[in-house]
PDB file of all heavy atoms in Angstrom:
ATOM      1  N   GLY A   1      -2.435  16.995  -2.143  1.00  0.00           N
ATOM      2  CA  GLY A   1      -1.503  16.345  -1.227  1.00  0.00           C
ATOM      3  C   GLY A   1      -0.413  15.568  -1.937  1.00  0.00           C
ATOM      4  O   GLY A   1      -0.408  15.408  -3.167  1.00  0.00           O
ATOM      5  N   HIS A   2       0.521  15.037  -1.132  1.00  0.00           N
ATOM      6  CA  HIS A   2       1.688  14.317  -1.645  1.00  0.00           C
ATOM      7  C   HIS A   2       1.487  12.810  -1.459  1.00  0.00           C
ATOM      8  O   HIS A   2       1.039  12.356  -0.406  1.00  0.00           O
ATOM      9  CB  HIS A   2       2.950  14.777  -0.898  1.00  0.00           C
ATOM     10  CG  HIS A   2       4.161  13.974  -1.233  1.00  0.00           C
ATOM     11  ND1 HIS A   2       4.755  14.021  -2.471  1.00  0.00           N
ATOM     12  CD2 HIS A   2       4.895  13.095  -0.479  1.00  0.00           C
ATOM     13  CE1 HIS A   2       5.805  13.211  -2.467  1.00  0.00           C
ATOM     14  NE2 HIS A   2       5.903  12.634  -1.272  1.00  0.00           N
ATOM     15  N   ILE A   3       1.860  12.031  -2.460  1.00  0.00           N
ATOM     16  CA  ILE A   3       1.731  10.574  -2.410  1.00  0.00           C
ATOM     17  C   ILE A   3       3.110   9.971  -2.160  1.00  0.00           C
ATOM     18  O   ILE A   3       4.025  10.146  -2.980  1.00  0.00           O
ATOM     19  CB  ILE A   3       1.151  10.008  -3.725  1.00  0.00           C
ATOM     20  CG1 ILE A   3      -0.173  10.700  -4.080  1.00  0.00           C
ATOM     21  CG2 ILE A   3       0.975   8.496  -3.605  1.00  0.00           C
ATOM     22  CD1 ILE A   3      -1.254  10.547  -3.033  1.00  0.00           C
ATOM     23  N   PRO A   4       3.303   9.277  -1.045  1.00  0.00           N
ATOM     24  CA  PRO A   4       4.613   8.657  -0.755  1.00  0.00           C
ATOM     25  C   PRO A   4       5.011   7.680  -1.853  1.00  0.00           C
ATOM     26  O   PRO A   4       4.166   6.957  -2.405  1.00  0.00           O
ATOM     27  CB  PRO A   4       4.367   7.934   0.573  1.00  0.00           C
ATOM     28  CG  PRO A   4       3.213   8.657   1.195  1.00  0.00           C
ATOM     29  CD  PRO A   4       2.345   9.077   0.044  1.00  0.00           C
ATOM     30  N   LYS A   5       6.306   7.621  -2.158  1.00  0.00           N
ATOM     31  CA  LYS A   5       6.792   6.772  -3.246  1.00  0.00           C
ATOM     32  C   LYS A   5       6.596   5.279  -2.961  1.00  0.00           C
ATOM     33  O   LYS A   5       6.431   4.486  -3.889  1.00  0.00           O
ATOM     34  CB  LYS A   5       8.275   7.063  -3.496  1.00  0.00           C
ATOM     35  CG  LYS A   5       8.540   8.469  -4.019  1.00  0.00           C
ATOM     36  CD  LYS A   5      10.032   8.674  -4.253  1.00  0.00           C
ATOM     37  CE  LYS A   5      10.303  10.073  -4.789  1.00  0.00           C
ATOM     38  NZ  LYS A   5      11.759  10.310  -5.006  1.00  0.00           N
ATOM     39  N   ASP A   6       6.651   4.921  -1.704  1.00  0.00           N
ATOM     40  CA  ASP A   6       6.579   3.490  -1.375  1.00  0.00           C
ATOM     41  C   ASP A   6       5.150   3.004  -1.104  1.00  0.00           C
ATOM     42  O   ASP A   6       4.940   1.853  -0.710  1.00  0.00           O
ATOM     43  CB  ASP A   6       7.457   3.168  -0.167  1.00  0.00           C
ATOM     44  CG  ASP A   6       7.112   4.025   1.047  1.00  0.00           C
ATOM     45  OD1 ASP A   6       6.313   4.972   0.907  1.00  0.00           O
ATOM     46  OD2 ASP A   6       7.648   3.735   2.139  1.00  0.00           O
ATOM     47  N   LEU A   7       4.153   3.862  -1.300  1.00  0.00           N
ATOM     48  CA  LEU A   7       2.767   3.488  -0.998  1.00  0.00           C
ATOM     49  C   LEU A   7       2.306   2.303  -1.857  1.00  0.00           C
ATOM     50  O   LEU A   7       1.800   1.298  -1.336  1.00  0.00           O
ATOM     51  CB  LEU A   7       1.835   4.684  -1.228  1.00  0.00           C
ATOM     52  CG  LEU A   7       0.334   4.384  -1.050  1.00  0.00           C
ATOM     53  CD1 LEU A   7       0.021   4.067   0.398  1.00  0.00           C
ATOM     54  CD2 LEU A   7      -0.506   5.571  -1.541  1.00  0.00           C
ATOM     55  N   ILE A   8       2.484   2.430  -3.182  1.00  0.00           N
ATOM     56  CA  ILE A   8       1.998   1.387  -4.090  1.00  0.00           C
ATOM     57  C   ILE A   8       2.748   0.076  -3.869  1.00  0.00           C
ATOM     58  O   ILE A   8       2.145  -1.005  -3.843  1.00  0.00           O
ATOM     59  CB  ILE A   8       2.117   1.840  -5.553  1.00  0.00           C
ATOM     60  CG1 ILE A   8       1.321   3.143  -5.774  1.00  0.00           C
ATOM     61  CG2 ILE A   8       1.624   0.740  -6.490  1.00  0.00           C
ATOM     62  CD1 ILE A   8      -0.154   3.006  -5.460  1.00  0.00           C
ATOM     63  N   ASP A   9       4.068   0.157  -3.703  1.00  0.00           N
ATOM     64  CA  ASP A   9       4.866  -1.063  -3.518  1.00  0.00           C
ATOM     65  C   ASP A   9       4.461  -1.804  -2.246  1.00  0.00           C
ATOM     66  O   ASP A   9       4.316  -3.037  -2.251  1.00  0.00           O
ATOM     67  CB  ASP A   9       6.355  -0.714  -3.461  1.00  0.00           C
ATOM     68  CG  ASP A   9       6.888  -0.269  -4.819  1.00  0.00           C
ATOM     69  OD1 ASP A   9       6.227  -0.583  -5.830  1.00  0.00           O
ATOM     70  OD2 ASP A   9       7.949   0.378  -4.855  1.00  0.00           O
ATOM     71  N   LYS A  10       4.270  -1.051  -1.160  1.00  0.00           N
ATOM     72  CA  LYS A  10       3.892  -1.705   0.097  1.00  0.00           C
ATOM     73  C   LYS A  10       2.462  -2.243   0.028  1.00  0.00           C
ATOM     74  O   LYS A  10       2.151  -3.282   0.621  1.00  0.00           O
ATOM     75  CB  LYS A  10       4.055  -0.734   1.263  1.00  0.00           C
ATOM     76  CG  LYS A  10       5.515  -0.449   1.596  1.00  0.00           C
ATOM     77  CD  LYS A  10       5.673   0.373   2.862  1.00  0.00           C
ATOM     78  CE  LYS A  10       7.144   0.533   3.223  1.00  0.00           C
ATOM     79  NZ  LYS A  10       7.352   1.307   4.473  1.00  0.00           N
ATOM     80  N   GLY A  11       1.595  -1.524  -0.712  1.00  0.00           N
ATOM     81  CA  GLY A  11       0.234  -2.027  -0.891  1.00  0.00           C
ATOM     82  C   GLY A  11       0.222  -3.328  -1.678  1.00  0.00           C
ATOM     83  O   GLY A  11      -0.491  -4.283  -1.332  1.00  0.00           O
ATOM     84  N   ASN A  12       1.037  -3.397  -2.755  1.00  0.00           N
ATOM     85  CA  ASN A  12       1.127  -4.624  -3.551  1.00  0.00           C
ATOM     86  C   ASN A  12       1.733  -5.772  -2.746  1.00  0.00           C
ATOM     87  O   ASN A  12       1.343  -6.939  -2.909  1.00  0.00           O
ATOM     88  CB  ASN A  12       1.952  -4.384  -4.816  1.00  0.00           C
ATOM     89  CG  ASN A  12       1.218  -3.515  -5.829  1.00  0.00           C
ATOM     90  OD1 ASN A  12      -0.005  -3.402  -5.784  1.00  0.00           O
ATOM     91  ND2 ASN A  12       1.964  -2.888  -6.730  1.00  0.00           N
ATOM     92  N   ALA A  13       2.677  -5.444  -1.882  1.00  0.00           N
ATOM     93  CA  ALA A  13       3.311  -6.478  -1.054  1.00  0.00           C
ATOM     94  C   ALA A  13       2.284  -7.124  -0.120  1.00  0.00           C
ATOM     95  O   ALA A  13       2.281  -8.338   0.089  1.00  0.00           O
ATOM     96  CB  ALA A  13       4.459  -5.870  -0.246  1.00  0.00           C
ATOM     97  N   ILE A  14       1.408  -6.289   0.441  1.00  0.00           N
ATOM     98  CA  ILE A  14       0.346  -6.824   1.316  1.00  0.00           C
ATOM     99  C   ILE A  14      -0.600  -7.712   0.511  1.00  0.00           C
ATOM    100  O   ILE A  14      -0.993  -8.794   0.957  1.00  0.00           O
ATOM    101  CB  ILE A  14      -0.425  -5.671   1.988  1.00  0.00           C
ATOM    102  CG1 ILE A  14       0.480  -4.951   3.003  1.00  0.00           C
ATOM    103  CG2 ILE A  14      -1.695  -6.183   2.664  1.00  0.00           C
ATOM    104  CD1 ILE A  14      -0.141  -3.701   3.602  1.00  0.00           C
ATOM    105  N   ALA A  15      -0.961  -7.256  -0.705  1.00  0.00           N
ATOM    106  CA  ALA A  15      -1.859  -8.042  -1.554  1.00  0.00           C
ATOM    107  C   ALA A  15      -1.227  -9.373  -1.938  1.00  0.00           C
ATOM    108  O   ALA A  15      -1.910 -10.408  -1.986  1.00  0.00           O
ATOM    109  CB  ALA A  15      -2.219  -7.244  -2.803  1.00  0.00           C
ATOM    110  N   LEU A  16       0.088  -9.375  -2.204  1.00  0.00           N
ATOM    111  CA  LEU A  16       0.781 -10.602  -2.553  1.00  0.00           C
ATOM    112  C   LEU A  16       0.758 -11.622  -1.419  1.00  0.00           C
ATOM    113  O   LEU A  16       0.822 -12.831  -1.649  1.00  0.00           O
ATOM    114  CB  LEU A  16       2.230 -10.298  -2.949  1.00  0.00           C
ATOM    115  CG  LEU A  16       2.449  -9.761  -4.369  1.00  0.00           C
ATOM    116  CD1 LEU A  16       3.887  -9.318  -4.561  1.00  0.00           C
ATOM    117  CD2 LEU A  16       2.083 -10.832  -5.393  1.00  0.00           C
ATOM    118  N   GLU A  17       0.680 -11.139  -0.208  1.00  0.00           N
ATOM    119  CA  GLU A  17       0.629 -12.026   0.954  1.00  0.00           C
ATOM    120  C   GLU A  17      -0.794 -12.449   1.288  1.00  0.00           C
ATOM    121  O   GLU A  17      -1.029 -13.118   2.289  1.00  0.00           O
ATOM    122  CB  GLU A  17       1.261 -11.327   2.164  1.00  0.00           C
ATOM    123  CG  GLU A  17       2.760 -11.084   2.011  1.00  0.00           C
ATOM    124  CD  GLU A  17       3.345 -10.333   3.209  1.00  0.00           C
ATOM    125  OE1 GLU A  17       2.597 -10.097   4.174  1.00  0.00           O
ATOM    126  OE2 GLU A  17       4.539 -10.003   3.172  1.00  0.00           O
ATOM    127  N   GLY A  18      -1.743 -12.065   0.431  1.00  0.00           N
ATOM    128  CA  GLY A  18      -3.120 -12.471   0.645  1.00  0.00           C
ATOM    129  C   GLY A  18      -3.921 -11.532   1.511  1.00  0.00           C
ATOM    130  O   GLY A  18      -5.049 -11.843   1.893  1.00  0.00           O
ATOM    131  N   GLY A  19      -3.357 -10.360   1.815  1.00  0.00           N
ATOM    132  CA  GLY A  19      -4.058  -9.405   2.661  1.00  0.00           C
ATOM    133  C   GLY A  19      -4.719  -8.301   1.863  1.00  0.00           C
ATOM    134  O   GLY A  19      -4.633  -8.251   0.637  1.00  0.00           O
ATOM    135  N   THR A  20      -5.382  -7.409   2.587  1.00  0.00           N
ATOM    136  CA  THR A  20      -6.031  -6.250   1.972  1.00  0.00           C
ATOM    137  C   THR A  20      -5.452  -4.993   2.608  1.00  0.00           C
ATOM    138  O   THR A  20      -5.538  -4.827   3.827  1.00  0.00           O
ATOM    139  CB  THR A  20      -7.551  -6.280   2.206  1.00  0.00           C
ATOM    140  OG1 THR A  20      -8.084  -7.475   1.643  1.00  0.00           O
ATOM    141  CG2 THR A  20      -8.219  -5.069   1.565  1.00  0.00           C
ATOM    142  N   PRO A  21      -4.862  -4.099   1.810  1.00  0.00           N
ATOM    143  CA  PRO A  21      -4.296  -2.868   2.367  1.00  0.00           C
ATOM    144  C   PRO A  21      -5.340  -1.762   2.449  1.00  0.00           C
ATOM    145  O   PRO A  21      -6.084  -1.520   1.493  1.00  0.00           O
ATOM    146  CB  PRO A  21      -3.193  -2.503   1.375  1.00  0.00           C
ATOM    147  CG  PRO A  21      -3.664  -3.064   0.072  1.00  0.00           C
ATOM    148  CD  PRO A  21      -4.504  -4.271   0.391  1.00  0.00           C
ATOM    149  N   LEU A  22      -5.439  -1.084   3.595  1.00  0.00           N
ATOM    150  CA  LEU A  22      -6.274   0.102   3.754  1.00  0.00           C
ATOM    151  C   LEU A  22      -5.349   1.280   4.031  1.00  0.00           C
ATOM    152  O   LEU A  22      -4.565   1.238   4.984  1.00  0.00           O
ATOM    153  CB  LEU A  22      -7.253  -0.064   4.924  1.00  0.00           C
ATOM    154  CG  LEU A  22      -8.410  -1.062   4.779  1.00  0.00           C
ATOM    155  CD1 LEU A  22      -9.307  -0.975   6.006  1.00  0.00           C
ATOM    156  CD2 LEU A  22      -9.216  -0.795   3.524  1.00  0.00           C
ATOM    157  N   ALA A  23      -5.444   2.306   3.191  1.00  0.00           N
ATOM    158  CA  ALA A  23      -4.604   3.491   3.391  1.00  0.00           C
ATOM    159  C   ALA A  23      -5.240   4.411   4.425  1.00  0.00           C
ATOM    160  O   ALA A  23      -6.474   4.517   4.508  1.00  0.00           O
ATOM    161  CB  ALA A  23      -4.421   4.232   2.074  1.00  0.00           C
ATOM    162  N   VAL A  24      -4.412   5.078   5.231  1.00  0.00           N
ATOM    163  CA  VAL A  24      -4.881   6.020   6.257  1.00  0.00           C
ATOM    164  C   VAL A  24      -4.299   7.397   5.929  1.00  0.00           C
ATOM    165  O   VAL A  24      -3.078   7.545   5.771  1.00  0.00           O
ATOM    166  CB  VAL A  24      -4.434   5.589   7.669  1.00  0.00           C
ATOM    167  CG1 VAL A  24      -4.895   6.609   8.707  1.00  0.00           C
ATOM    168  CG2 VAL A  24      -4.975   4.204   7.998  1.00  0.00           C
ATOM    169  N   ALA A  25      -5.189   8.396   5.816  1.00  0.00           N
ATOM    170  CA  ALA A  25      -4.729   9.740   5.455  1.00  0.00           C
ATOM    171  C   ALA A  25      -5.438  10.785   6.301  1.00  0.00           C
ATOM    172  O   ALA A  25      -6.572  10.579   6.767  1.00  0.00           O
ATOM    173  CB  ALA A  25      -4.989  10.010   3.975  1.00  0.00           C
TER     174      ALA A  25
END
């Protein structure tokens, strides 16, 4: 499959805000 370019950046942004990112595929 294909990995979106903004996946890691948006995941890190959530972590920086104190949250936990869960990916949906």
